[in-house]
């Protein structure tokens, strides 16, 4: 039952993230490169899922709660890394929105 709840929560969180990801890619990517950027992004995502499955398999055999805690920790670390990268587009999104409103 805990697994079903975890998957449900992940799906609820993934929907808005995916829509936002596509919106940002479409807005920020030059038109002539969009196909390449979307394809590269999809390839990286599938590769990340495969690597995650390789790591999660042995961890899940050891402990399901431990696997969920590991997944949550990786998500938090990824978010922190995104904010820590100098010049990250996460910080410039607000600037882009105010620039478009001023135009």
N, C-alpha and C. Protein backbone atom coordinates (compact mmCIF):
# COMPACT_ATOMS: atom_id res chain seq x y z
N UNK A 1 0.83 -1.20 0.00
CA UNK A 1 0.00 0.00 0.00
C UNK A 1 0.87 1.26 0.00
N UNK A 2 1.98 1.20 0.75
CA UNK A 2 2.86 2.35 0.81
C UNK A 2 3.45 2.68 -0.56
N UNK A 3 3.73 1.65 -1.34
CA UNK A 3 4.27 1.84 -2.68
C UNK A 3 3.25 2.53 -3.58
N UNK A 4 1.99 2.14 -3.48
CA UNK A 4 0.92 2.74 -4.29
C UNK A 4 0.80 4.23 -3.95
N UNK A 5 0.83 4.55 -2.69
CA UNK A 5 0.74 5.95 -2.26
C UNK A 5 1.96 6.74 -2.76
N UNK A 6 3.14 6.15 -2.67
CA UNK A 6 4.35 6.82 -3.14
C UNK A 6 4.29 7.09 -4.65
N UNK A 7 3.83 6.11 -5.42
CA UNK A 7 3.72 6.28 -6.87
C UNK A 7 2.66 7.32 -7.19
N UNK A 8 1.56 7.32 -6.48
CA UNK A 8 0.51 8.32 -6.69
C UNK A 8 1.04 9.72 -6.43
N UNK A 9 1.74 9.90 -5.32
CA UNK A 9 2.32 11.22 -5.01
C UNK A 9 3.36 11.64 -6.04
N UNK A 10 4.16 10.70 -6.49
CA UNK A 10 5.16 11.02 -7.51
C UNK A 10 4.49 11.46 -8.80
N UNK A 11 3.43 10.77 -9.18
CA UNK A 11 2.70 11.14 -10.39
C UNK A 11 2.05 12.50 -10.30
N UNK A 12 1.49 12.80 -9.14
CA UNK A 12 0.87 14.12 -8.93
C UNK A 12 1.92 15.23 -9.04
N UNK A 13 3.10 14.96 -8.52
CA UNK A 13 4.18 15.95 -8.60
C UNK A 13 4.80 16.03 -9.98
N UNK A 14 4.82 14.94 -10.71
CA UNK A 14 5.48 14.89 -12.01
C UNK A 14 4.70 15.65 -13.08
N UNK A 15 3.38 15.62 -13.01
CA UNK A 15 2.56 16.27 -14.03
C UNK A 15 2.89 17.75 -14.20
N UNK A 16 2.79 18.56 -13.16
CA UNK A 16 3.12 19.98 -13.30
C UNK A 16 4.60 20.21 -13.65
N UNK A 17 5.48 19.36 -13.15
CA UNK A 17 6.91 19.51 -13.47
C UNK A 17 7.15 19.30 -14.96
N UNK A 18 6.51 18.29 -15.52
CA UNK A 18 6.70 18.00 -16.94
C UNK A 18 6.16 19.13 -17.81
N UNK A 19 4.98 19.65 -17.45
CA UNK A 19 4.42 20.77 -18.21
C UNK A 19 5.33 22.00 -18.13
N UNK A 20 5.86 22.27 -16.93
CA UNK A 20 6.77 23.41 -16.77
C UNK A 20 8.06 23.20 -17.54
N UNK A 21 8.58 21.98 -17.52
CA UNK A 21 9.80 21.67 -18.26
C UNK A 21 9.63 21.93 -19.74
N UNK A 22 8.54 21.46 -20.32
CA UNK A 22 8.30 21.68 -21.75
C UNK A 22 8.11 23.16 -22.04
N UNK A 23 7.44 23.88 -21.16
CA UNK A 23 7.22 25.31 -21.38
C UNK A 23 8.55 26.07 -21.37
N UNK A 24 9.42 25.74 -20.42
CA UNK A 24 10.73 26.41 -20.34
C UNK A 24 11.58 26.05 -21.54
N UNK A 25 11.61 24.77 -21.91
CA UNK A 25 12.39 24.37 -23.09
C UNK A 25 11.91 25.10 -24.33
N UNK A 26 10.60 25.18 -24.49
CA UNK A 26 10.05 25.84 -25.68
C UNK A 26 10.38 27.33 -25.67
N UNK A 27 10.28 27.96 -24.51
CA UNK A 27 10.52 29.40 -24.40
C UNK A 27 12.00 29.73 -24.57
N UNK A 28 12.89 28.94 -24.00
CA UNK A 28 14.30 29.29 -23.97
C UNK A 28 15.11 28.76 -25.15
N UNK A 29 14.65 27.72 -25.80
CA UNK A 29 15.43 27.11 -26.89
C UNK A 29 15.23 27.90 -28.18
N UNK A 30 16.31 28.16 -28.89
CA UNK A 30 16.15 28.78 -30.21
C UNK A 30 15.32 27.87 -31.11
N UNK A 31 14.49 28.45 -31.93
CA UNK A 31 13.56 27.67 -32.74
C UNK A 31 14.26 26.62 -33.59
N UNK A 32 15.39 26.96 -34.17
CA UNK A 32 16.08 26.03 -35.06
C UNK A 32 16.75 24.87 -34.31
N UNK A 33 16.84 24.96 -32.98
CA UNK A 33 17.47 23.90 -32.18
C UNK A 33 16.47 23.13 -31.31
N UNK A 34 15.21 23.50 -31.33
CA UNK A 34 14.23 22.89 -30.42
C UNK A 34 14.15 21.38 -30.54
N UNK A 35 14.11 20.87 -31.76
CA UNK A 35 14.02 19.42 -31.94
C UNK A 35 15.20 18.70 -31.31
N UNK A 36 16.39 19.24 -31.54
CA UNK A 36 17.60 18.63 -30.99
C UNK A 36 17.60 18.72 -29.46
N UNK A 37 17.18 19.85 -28.93
CA UNK A 37 17.16 20.04 -27.48
C UNK A 37 16.13 19.12 -26.82
N UNK A 38 14.95 19.01 -27.40
CA UNK A 38 13.93 18.13 -26.83
C UNK A 38 14.38 16.67 -26.90
N UNK A 39 15.00 16.28 -28.01
CA UNK A 39 15.46 14.89 -28.15
C UNK A 39 16.59 14.59 -27.17
N UNK A 40 17.53 15.51 -27.02
CA UNK A 40 18.62 15.32 -26.07
C UNK A 40 18.08 15.24 -24.64
N UNK A 41 17.13 16.11 -24.32
CA UNK A 41 16.53 16.06 -22.99
C UNK A 41 15.84 14.74 -22.71
N UNK A 42 15.11 14.23 -23.70
CA UNK A 42 14.43 12.94 -23.54
C UNK A 42 15.45 11.82 -23.37
N UNK A 43 16.53 11.87 -24.12
CA UNK A 43 17.57 10.84 -24.00
C UNK A 43 18.21 10.85 -22.62
N UNK A 44 18.49 12.04 -22.10
CA UNK A 44 19.08 12.14 -20.77
C UNK A 44 18.12 11.64 -19.70
N UNK A 45 16.83 11.93 -19.88
CA UNK A 45 15.83 11.48 -18.91
C UNK A 45 15.75 9.95 -18.88
N UNK A 46 15.69 9.33 -20.05
CA UNK A 46 15.62 7.86 -20.11
C UNK A 46 16.89 7.24 -19.53
N UNK A 47 18.05 7.84 -19.84
CA UNK A 47 19.31 7.33 -19.28
C UNK A 47 19.31 7.45 -17.77
N UNK A 48 18.80 8.58 -17.26
CA UNK A 48 18.72 8.76 -15.81
C UNK A 48 17.80 7.75 -15.15
N UNK A 49 16.66 7.46 -15.81
CA UNK A 49 15.76 6.43 -15.27
C UNK A 49 16.45 5.08 -15.22
N UNK A 50 17.20 4.75 -16.28
CA UNK A 50 17.90 3.45 -16.31
C UNK A 50 18.95 3.37 -15.21
N UNK A 51 19.73 4.43 -15.04
CA UNK A 51 20.74 4.44 -13.97
C UNK A 51 20.08 4.36 -12.59
N UNK A 52 18.96 5.07 -12.44
CA UNK A 52 18.23 5.01 -11.18
C UNK A 52 17.71 3.62 -10.88
N UNK A 53 17.25 2.91 -11.90
CA UNK A 53 16.78 1.54 -11.71
C UNK A 53 17.92 0.61 -11.31
N UNK A 54 19.10 0.84 -11.89
CA UNK A 54 20.27 0.02 -11.54
C UNK A 54 20.62 0.20 -10.06
N UNK A 55 20.54 1.43 -9.58
CA UNK A 55 20.87 1.70 -8.17
C UNK A 55 19.73 1.25 -7.26
N UNK A 56 18.48 1.52 -7.69
CA UNK A 56 17.33 1.25 -6.82
C UNK A 56 17.05 -0.25 -6.64
N UNK A 57 17.41 -1.07 -7.62
CA UNK A 57 17.14 -2.51 -7.51
C UNK A 57 17.74 -3.12 -6.26
N UNK A 58 19.05 -3.02 -6.09
CA UNK A 58 19.65 -3.60 -4.87
C UNK A 58 19.18 -2.91 -3.59
N UNK A 59 18.95 -1.60 -3.66
CA UNK A 59 18.50 -0.89 -2.46
C UNK A 59 17.09 -1.34 -2.09
N UNK A 60 16.22 -1.54 -3.09
CA UNK A 60 14.84 -1.99 -2.82
C UNK A 60 14.83 -3.39 -2.23
N UNK A 61 15.77 -4.23 -2.66
CA UNK A 61 15.86 -5.58 -2.08
C UNK A 61 16.25 -5.51 -0.61
N UNK A 62 16.99 -4.49 -0.25
CA UNK A 62 17.42 -4.31 1.14
C UNK A 62 16.32 -3.68 1.97
N UNK A 63 15.68 -2.57 1.44
CA UNK A 63 14.67 -1.86 2.22
C UNK A 63 13.84 -0.95 1.33
N UNK A 64 12.53 -1.16 1.28
CA UNK A 64 11.66 -0.28 0.50
C UNK A 64 11.62 1.13 1.07
N UNK A 65 11.44 1.31 2.39
CA UNK A 65 11.49 2.67 2.93
C UNK A 65 12.85 3.34 2.67
N UNK A 66 13.92 2.54 2.72
CA UNK A 66 15.24 3.09 2.42
C UNK A 66 15.34 3.56 0.97
N UNK A 67 14.71 2.82 0.06
CA UNK A 67 14.70 3.20 -1.35
C UNK A 67 13.95 4.51 -1.55
N UNK A 68 12.79 4.63 -0.91
CA UNK A 68 12.02 5.87 -1.02
C UNK A 68 12.76 7.05 -0.40
N UNK A 69 13.43 6.81 0.72
CA UNK A 69 14.23 7.88 1.34
C UNK A 69 15.39 8.28 0.44
N UNK A 70 16.03 7.31 -0.19
CA UNK A 70 17.12 7.61 -1.12
C UNK A 70 16.62 8.43 -2.30
N UNK A 71 15.47 8.04 -2.86
CA UNK A 71 14.90 8.78 -3.99
C UNK A 71 14.57 10.22 -3.59
N UNK A 72 13.98 10.40 -2.42
CA UNK A 72 13.65 11.74 -1.95
C UNK A 72 14.92 12.56 -1.72
N UNK A 73 15.95 11.93 -1.18
CA UNK A 73 17.22 12.63 -0.94
C UNK A 73 17.87 13.06 -2.24
N UNK A 74 17.82 12.21 -3.25
CA UNK A 74 18.41 12.56 -4.55
C UNK A 74 17.64 13.73 -5.16
N UNK A 75 16.32 13.74 -5.03
CA UNK A 75 15.52 14.85 -5.56
C UNK A 75 15.87 16.17 -4.86
N UNK A 76 16.02 16.12 -3.54
CA UNK A 76 16.39 17.32 -2.78
C UNK A 76 17.79 17.80 -3.17
N UNK A 77 18.73 16.87 -3.30
CA UNK A 77 20.09 17.24 -3.71
C UNK A 77 20.11 17.85 -5.11
N UNK A 78 19.30 17.32 -6.01
CA UNK A 78 19.23 17.87 -7.36
C UNK A 78 18.69 19.30 -7.34
N UNK A 79 17.66 19.54 -6.52
CA UNK A 79 17.11 20.89 -6.42
C UNK A 79 18.14 21.85 -5.82
N UNK A 80 18.84 21.41 -4.78
CA UNK A 80 19.87 22.27 -4.17
C UNK A 80 21.00 22.55 -5.14
N UNK A 81 21.40 21.55 -5.91
CA UNK A 81 22.47 21.73 -6.90
C UNK A 81 22.04 22.73 -7.96
N UNK A 82 20.78 22.69 -8.34
CA UNK A 82 20.29 23.62 -9.36
C UNK A 82 20.39 25.06 -8.86
N UNK A 83 20.04 25.28 -7.61
CA UNK A 83 20.14 26.63 -7.05
C UNK A 83 21.58 27.05 -6.81
N UNK A 84 22.47 26.10 -6.62
CA UNK A 84 23.87 26.42 -6.32
C UNK A 84 24.70 26.71 -7.56
N UNK A 85 24.22 26.32 -8.74
CA UNK A 85 24.98 26.54 -9.97
C UNK A 85 24.96 28.02 -10.32
N UNK A 86 26.15 28.64 -10.42
CA UNK A 86 26.18 30.06 -10.79
C UNK A 86 25.57 30.28 -12.18
N UNK A 87 24.75 31.31 -12.29
CA UNK A 87 24.12 31.61 -13.57
C UNK A 87 23.01 30.66 -13.93
N UNK A 88 22.50 29.91 -12.96
CA UNK A 88 21.43 28.95 -13.22
C UNK A 88 20.20 29.66 -13.75
N UNK A 89 19.53 29.03 -14.72
CA UNK A 89 18.33 29.63 -15.29
C UNK A 89 17.19 29.67 -14.29
N UNK A 90 17.31 28.95 -13.17
CA UNK A 90 16.28 29.00 -12.13
C UNK A 90 16.18 30.43 -11.60
N UNK A 91 17.31 31.06 -11.39
CA UNK A 91 17.30 32.44 -10.90
C UNK A 91 16.87 33.42 -11.98
N UNK A 92 17.17 33.13 -13.23
CA UNK A 92 16.86 34.08 -14.30
C UNK A 92 15.43 33.97 -14.78
N UNK A 93 14.68 32.97 -14.35
CA UNK A 93 13.29 32.85 -14.78
C UNK A 93 12.47 34.06 -14.36
N UNK A 94 12.69 34.54 -13.12
CA UNK A 94 11.96 35.71 -12.66
C UNK A 94 12.35 36.94 -13.47
N UNK A 95 13.62 37.06 -13.81
CA UNK A 95 14.07 38.19 -14.62
C UNK A 95 13.43 38.13 -16.00
N UNK A 96 13.33 36.94 -16.57
CA UNK A 96 12.71 36.79 -17.88
C UNK A 96 11.24 37.18 -17.85
N UNK A 97 10.54 36.81 -16.79
CA UNK A 97 9.13 37.14 -16.68
C UNK A 97 8.94 38.65 -16.55
N UNK A 98 9.77 39.31 -15.75
CA UNK A 98 9.61 40.75 -15.58
C UNK A 98 10.00 41.48 -16.85
N UNK A 99 10.97 40.93 -17.60
CA UNK A 99 11.38 41.55 -18.86
C UNK A 99 10.24 41.49 -19.87
N UNK A 100 9.54 40.35 -19.94
CA UNK A 100 8.43 40.21 -20.89
C UNK A 100 7.27 41.12 -20.50
N UNK A 101 7.04 41.30 -19.21
CA UNK A 101 5.94 42.15 -18.77
C UNK A 101 6.23 43.62 -19.08
N UNK A 102 7.51 44.00 -18.99
CA UNK A 102 7.88 45.39 -19.23
C UNK A 102 7.80 45.75 -20.71
N UNK A 103 7.91 44.75 -21.58
CA UNK A 103 7.91 45.02 -23.03
C UNK A 103 6.55 45.38 -23.54
